[in-house]
C-alpha atoms as a PDB file:
ATOM      1  CA  UNK A   1      18.369 -22.433 -16.630  1.00  0.00           C
ATOM      2  CA  UNK A   2      17.339 -22.196 -12.981  1.00  0.00           C
ATOM      3  CA  UNK A   3      15.043 -19.186 -12.308  1.00  0.00           C
ATOM      4  CA  UNK A   4      16.843 -18.436  -9.032  1.00  0.00           C
ATOM      5  CA  UNK A   5      20.202 -18.350 -10.789  1.00  0.00           C
ATOM      6  CA  UNK A   6      18.790 -16.097 -13.512  1.00  0.00           C
ATOM      7  CA  UNK A   7      17.350 -13.693 -10.942  1.00  0.00           C
ATOM      8  CA  UNK A   8      20.636 -13.638  -9.036  1.00  0.00           C
ATOM      9  CA  UNK A   9      22.686 -12.919 -12.163  1.00  0.00           C
ATOM     10  CA  UNK A  10      20.370 -10.149 -13.314  1.00  0.00           C
ATOM     11  CA  UNK A  11      20.334  -8.618  -9.826  1.00  0.00           C
ATOM     12  CA  UNK A  12      24.147  -8.637  -9.717  1.00  0.00           C
ATOM     13  CA  UNK A  13      24.300  -7.043 -13.154  1.00  0.00           C
ATOM     14  CA  UNK A  14      21.797  -4.385 -12.091  1.00  0.00           C
ATOM     15  CA  UNK A  15      23.817  -3.648  -8.960  1.00  0.00           C
ATOM     16  CA  UNK A  16      27.058  -3.262 -10.931  1.00  0.00           C
ATOM     17  CA  UNK A  17      25.316  -1.041 -13.472  1.00  0.00           C
ATOM     18  CA  UNK A  18      23.763   1.090 -10.714  1.00  0.00           C
ATOM     19  CA  UNK A  19      27.172   1.458  -9.038  1.00  0.00           C
ATOM     20  CA  UNK A  20      28.741   2.555 -12.333  1.00  0.00           C
ATOM     21  CA  UNK A  21      26.123   5.282 -12.687  1.00  0.00           C
ATOM     22  CA  UNK A  22      26.306   6.182  -8.979  1.00  0.00           C
ATOM     23  CA  UNK A  23      22.574   5.579  -8.569  1.00  0.00           C
ATOM     24  CA  UNK A  24      22.474   2.385  -6.540  1.00  0.00           C
ATOM     25  CA  UNK A  25      20.320   3.982  -3.819  1.00  0.00           C
ATOM     26  CA  UNK A  26      17.832   5.376  -6.355  1.00  0.00           C
ATOM     27  CA  UNK A  27      17.703   1.993  -8.096  1.00  0.00           C
ATOM     28  CA  UNK A  28      17.108   0.380  -4.677  1.00  0.00           C
ATOM     29  CA  UNK A  29      14.162   2.722  -4.121  1.00  0.00           C
ATOM     30  CA  UNK A  30      12.938   2.019  -7.664  1.00  0.00           C
ATOM     31  CA  UNK A  31      13.223  -1.738  -7.094  1.00  0.00           C
ATOM     32  CA  UNK A  32      11.139  -1.428  -3.926  1.00  0.00           C
ATOM     33  CA  UNK A  33       8.442   0.644  -5.643  1.00  0.00           C
ATOM     34  CA  UNK A  34       8.354  -1.569  -8.725  1.00  0.00           C
ATOM     35  CA  UNK A  35       8.205  -4.767  -6.678  1.00  0.00           C
ATOM     36  CA  UNK A  36       5.247  -3.390  -4.698  1.00  0.00           C
ATOM     37  CA  UNK A  37       3.470  -2.399  -7.935  1.00  0.00           C
ATOM     38  CA  UNK A  38       4.084  -5.777  -9.597  1.00  0.00           C
ATOM     39  CA  UNK A  39       2.993  -7.813  -6.566  1.00  0.00           C
ATOM     40  CA  UNK A  40      -0.108  -5.668  -6.008  1.00  0.00           C
ATOM     41  CA  UNK A  41      -1.019  -5.706  -9.722  1.00  0.00           C
ATOM     42  CA  UNK A  42      -1.043  -1.905  -9.606  1.00  0.00           C
ATOM     43  CA  UNK A  43      -0.494   0.429 -12.529  1.00  0.00           C
ATOM     44  CA  UNK A  44       2.992  -0.755 -13.494  1.00  0.00           C
ATOM     45  CA  UNK A  45       3.097   1.619 -16.471  1.00  0.00           C
ATOM     46  CA  UNK A  46       2.658   4.651 -14.221  1.00  0.00           C
ATOM     47  CA  UNK A  47       5.326   3.300 -11.899  1.00  0.00           C
ATOM     48  CA  UNK A  48       7.778   2.737 -14.767  1.00  0.00           C
ATOM     49  CA  UNK A  49       7.436   6.341 -15.911  1.00  0.00           C
ATOM     50  CA  UNK A  50       8.709   7.525 -12.501  1.00  0.00           C
ATOM     51  CA  UNK A  51      11.735   5.198 -12.421  1.00  0.00           C
ATOM     52  CA  UNK A  52      15.335   6.318 -12.819  1.00  0.00           C
ATOM     53  CA  UNK A  53      16.973   6.037 -16.221  1.00  0.00           C
ATOM     54  CA  UNK A  54      19.204   3.124 -15.131  1.00  0.00           C
ATOM     55  CA  UNK A  55      16.170   1.164 -13.943  1.00  0.00           C
ATOM     56  CA  UNK A  56      14.223   1.947 -17.125  1.00  0.00           C
ATOM     57  CA  UNK A  57      17.168   0.753 -19.228  1.00  0.00           C
ATOM     58  CA  UNK A  58      17.442  -2.386 -17.115  1.00  0.00           C
ATOM     59  CA  UNK A  59      13.729  -3.130 -17.538  1.00  0.00           C
ATOM     60  CA  UNK A  60      14.115  -2.769 -21.298  1.00  0.00           C
ATOM     61  CA  UNK A  61      16.887  -5.396 -21.142  1.00  0.00           C
ATOM     62  CA  UNK A  62      14.727  -7.746 -19.061  1.00  0.00           C
ATOM     63  CA  UNK A  63      11.860  -7.380 -21.530  1.00  0.00           C
ATOM     64  CA  UNK A  64      14.144  -7.782 -24.561  1.00  0.00           C
ATOM     65  CA  UNK A  65      15.597 -10.988 -23.061  1.00  0.00           C
ATOM     66  CA  UNK A  66      12.121 -12.321 -22.226  1.00  0.00           C
ATOM     67  CA  UNK A  67      12.801 -12.556 -18.479  1.00  0.00           C
ATOM     68  CA  UNK A  68       9.788 -10.595 -17.227  1.00  0.00           C
ATOM     69  CA  UNK A  69       8.538 -13.603 -15.237  1.00  0.00           C
ATOM     70  CA  UNK A  70      11.756 -13.372 -13.186  1.00  0.00           C
ATOM     71  CA  UNK A  71      11.300  -9.670 -12.418  1.00  0.00           C
ATOM     72  CA  UNK A  72       9.926 -10.014  -8.848  1.00  0.00           C
ATOM     73  CA  UNK A  73      12.813 -12.330  -7.918  1.00  0.00           C
ATOM     74  CA  UNK A  74      15.349 -10.054  -9.626  1.00  0.00           C
ATOM     75  CA  UNK A  75      14.060  -7.036  -7.721  1.00  0.00           C
ATOM     76  CA  UNK A  76      14.080  -8.976  -4.453  1.00  0.00           C
ATOM     77  CA  UNK A  77      17.638 -10.192  -5.034  1.00  0.00           C
ATOM     78  CA  UNK A  78      18.800  -6.669  -5.908  1.00  0.00           C
ATOM     79  CA  UNK A  79      17.344  -5.282  -2.691  1.00  0.00           C
ATOM     80  CA  UNK A  80      18.987  -8.051  -0.621  1.00  0.00           C
ATOM     81  CA  UNK A  81      22.329  -7.453  -2.363  1.00  0.00           C
ATOM     82  CA  UNK A  82      22.083  -3.688  -1.874  1.00  0.00           C
ATOM     83  CA  UNK A  83      21.367  -4.028   1.844  1.00  0.00           C
ATOM     84  CA  UNK A  84      24.228  -6.497   2.256  1.00  0.00           C
ATOM     85  CA  UNK A  85      26.716  -4.268   0.410  1.00  0.00           C
ATOM     86  CA  UNK A  86      25.630  -1.166   2.339  1.00  0.00           C
ATOM     87  CA  UNK A  87      25.535  -2.893   5.730  1.00  0.00           C
ATOM     88  CA  UNK A  88      21.806  -2.318   6.196  1.00  0.00           C
ATOM     89  CA  UNK A  89      19.971  -4.654   8.554  1.00  0.00           C
ATOM     90  CA  UNK A  90      16.232  -5.099   8.081  1.00  0.00           C
ATOM     91  CA  UNK A  91      14.020  -5.249  11.106  1.00  0.00           C
ATOM     92  CA  UNK A  92      10.274  -5.491  11.587  1.00  0.00           C
ATOM     93  CA  UNK A  93       8.470  -4.229  14.629  1.00  0.00           C
ATOM     94  CA  UNK A  94       4.867  -5.130  15.331  1.00  0.00           C
ATOM     95  CA  UNK A  95       3.151  -3.464  18.281  1.00  0.00           C
ATOM     96  CA  UNK A  96      -0.340  -3.644  19.732  1.00  0.00           C
ATOM     97  CA  UNK A  97      -0.721   0.151  19.507  1.00  0.00           C
ATOM     98  CA  UNK A  98       1.164   3.007  17.844  1.00  0.00           C
ATOM     99  CA  UNK A  99       4.559   3.344  19.494  1.00  0.00           C
ATOM    100  CA  UNK A 100       6.923   5.428  17.326  1.00  0.00           C
ATOM    101  CA  UNK A 101       9.515   5.768  20.094  1.00  0.00           C
ATOM    102  CA  UNK A 102      10.051   2.015  20.442  1.00  0.00           C
ATOM    103  CA  UNK A 103      11.499   1.579  16.920  1.00  0.00           C
ATOM    104  CA  UNK A 104      13.973   4.381  17.584  1.00  0.00           C
ATOM    105  CA  UNK A 105      15.037   2.915  20.908  1.00  0.00           C
ATOM    106  CA  UNK A 106      15.424  -0.557  19.421  1.00  0.00           C
ATOM    107  CA  UNK A 107      17.456   0.833  16.496  1.00  0.00           C
ATOM    108  CA  UNK A 108      19.790   2.567  18.952  1.00  0.00           C
ATOM    109  CA  UNK A 109      20.225  -0.678  20.924  1.00  0.00           C
ATOM    110  CA  UNK A 110      21.048  -2.523  17.714  1.00  0.00           C
ATOM    111  CA  UNK A 111      23.644   0.080  16.785  1.00  0.00           C
ATOM    112  CA  UNK A 112      25.256  -0.484  20.187  1.00  0.00           C
ATOM    113  CA  UNK A 113      25.449  -4.161  19.226  1.00  0.00           C
ATOM    114  CA  UNK A 114      27.458  -3.262  16.116  1.00  0.00           C
ATOM    115  CA  UNK A 115      24.770  -2.961  13.455  1.00  0.00           C
ATOM    116  CA  UNK A 116      25.562   0.098  11.343  1.00  0.00           C
ATOM    117  CA  UNK A 117      22.189   0.923   9.856  1.00  0.00           C
ATOM    118  CA  UNK A 118      18.790  -0.528  10.672  1.00  0.00           C
ATOM    119  CA  UNK A 119      15.845  -0.272   8.281  1.00  0.00           C
ATOM    120  CA  UNK A 120      12.759  -0.598  10.489  1.00  0.00           C
ATOM    121  CA  UNK A 121       9.349  -1.473   9.149  1.00  0.00           C
ATOM    122  CA  UNK A 122       6.601  -0.979  11.706  1.00  0.00           C
ATOM    123  CA  UNK A 123       3.099  -2.377  11.881  1.00  0.00           C
ATOM    124  CA  UNK A 124       0.250  -2.200  14.368  1.00  0.00           C
ATOM    125  CA  UNK A 125      -1.621  -5.402  15.205  1.00  0.00           C
ATOM    126  CA  UNK A 126      -4.243  -4.969  17.960  1.00  0.00           C
ATOM    127  CA  UNK A 127      -4.454  -8.785  18.249  1.00  0.00           C
ATOM    128  CA  UNK A 128      -1.161  -8.694  20.168  1.00  0.00           C
ATOM    129  CA  UNK A 129      -3.125  -7.131  23.058  1.00  0.00           C
ATOM    130  CA  UNK A 130       0.079  -5.601  24.437  1.00  0.00           C
ATOM    131  CA  UNK A 131       3.838  -5.803  24.071  1.00  0.00           C
ATOM    132  CA  UNK A 132       5.595  -6.230  20.741  1.00  0.00           C
ATOM    133  CA  UNK A 133       7.240  -8.589  18.265  1.00  0.00           C
ATOM    134  CA  UNK A 134      10.583  -7.625  16.785  1.00  0.00           C
ATOM    135  CA  UNK A 135      12.298  -9.522  13.992  1.00  0.00           C
ATOM    136  CA  UNK A 136      15.843  -8.723  12.903  1.00  0.00           C
ATOM    137  CA  UNK A 137      16.711 -10.578   9.712  1.00  0.00           C
ATOM    138  CA  UNK A 138      15.993 -14.196  10.708  1.00  0.00           C
ATOM    139  CA  UNK A 139      15.865 -13.732  14.501  1.00  0.00           C
ATOM    140  CA  UNK A 140      12.532 -13.116  16.209  1.00  0.00           C
ATOM    141  CA  UNK A 141      11.621 -11.966  19.701  1.00  0.00           C
ATOM    142  CA  UNK A 142       7.953 -12.276  20.620  1.00  0.00           C
ATOM    143  CA  UNK A 143       7.228 -10.216  23.734  1.00  0.00           C
ATOM    144  CA  UNK A 144       3.510  -9.866  23.064  1.00  0.00           C
ATOM    145  CA  UNK A 145       0.787 -10.402  25.600  1.00  0.00           C
ATOM    146  CA  UNK A 146      -1.083 -12.646  23.149  1.00  0.00           C
ATOM    147  CA  UNK A 147       1.931 -14.946  22.876  1.00  0.00           C
ATOM    148  CA  UNK A 148       2.354 -15.086  26.638  1.00  0.00           C
ATOM    149  CA  UNK A 149      -1.342 -15.940  27.074  1.00  0.00           C
ATOM    150  CA  UNK A 150      -1.049 -18.739  24.486  1.00  0.00           C
ATOM    151  CA  UNK A 151       1.933 -20.158  26.368  1.00  0.00           C
ATOM    152  CA  UNK A 152       0.040 -20.056  29.672  1.00  0.00           C
ATOM    153  CA  UNK A 153      -2.911 -21.840  28.045  1.00  0.00           C
ATOM    154  CA  UNK A 154      -0.616 -24.488  26.581  1.00  0.00           C
ATOM    155  CA  UNK A 155       1.071 -25.019  29.969  1.00  0.00           C
ATOM    156  CA  UNK A 156      -2.316 -25.352  31.691  1.00  0.00           C
ATOM    157  CA  UNK A 157      -3.568 -27.861  29.108  1.00  0.00           C
ATOM    158  CA  UNK A 158      -0.385 -29.910  29.510  1.00  0.00           C
ATOM    159  CA  UNK A 159      -0.753 -29.833  33.298  1.00  0.00           C
ATOM    160  CA  UNK A 160      -4.412 -30.913  33.088  1.00  0.00           C
ATOM    161  CA  UNK A 161      -3.554 -33.805  30.730  1.00  0.00           C
ATOM    162  CA  UNK A 162      -0.815 -35.020  33.083  1.00  0.00           C
ATOM    163  CA  UNK A 163      -3.161 -34.789  36.058  1.00  0.00           C
ATOM    164  CA  UNK A 164      -5.851 -36.794  34.231  1.00  0.00           C
ATOM    165  CA  UNK A 165      -3.377 -39.446  33.084  1.00  0.00           C
ATOM    166  CA  UNK A 166      -1.951 -39.853  36.621  1.00  0.00           C
ATOM    167  CA  UNK A 167      -5.270 -39.771  38.415  1.00  0.00           C
END
C-alpha cells in the first residue's frame, strides 16, 4: 500500500481518536514534539514518556502494526489536518535582526484579511542584511535587502550583456 495513503489514514484515525478524548490540541503538541525528536534522532524514549495517554496508545498501535517507518509522515499529516480543522494558518517570518513586534503586526494584518488564527514561526538570518521574508502557507513575500541587491545585480548583468551584444 502507498506510504502516503497509510500516513493519511493513520493521521485521520489519530485525529478522530484525539477528538473523542477531547485532547486534539495536546496530541497536536505531542505530534510536534515527537516529530522534532524523531527527525533530530534525539532521545525518543524520553520524549515518549512525556506524551499524552492518547498519543502513547496510538504509538503502541503504530508499533504493533509495524508502521514505524511511516511515523514522521503520520505526525506531519496529523499536524496539517489539525491546523486545517482548527482554521490555523502557518506563517514563517525571517528577519535580518530580532524584531518581535513585526510578527505581531503581520498577524494582526492577516486577521484583518480574514485569517482566524496565525501560527508564526520566526527566525533571524543576518544574511538578509535588512528587511524580511514572510511566507504564509504557500505564498512568499521577499522584502529583504539581500534579495533586492541580487535583483539589481541581475538587472545590471542583463543590461551589460545587451550593451555588449548591440555594440
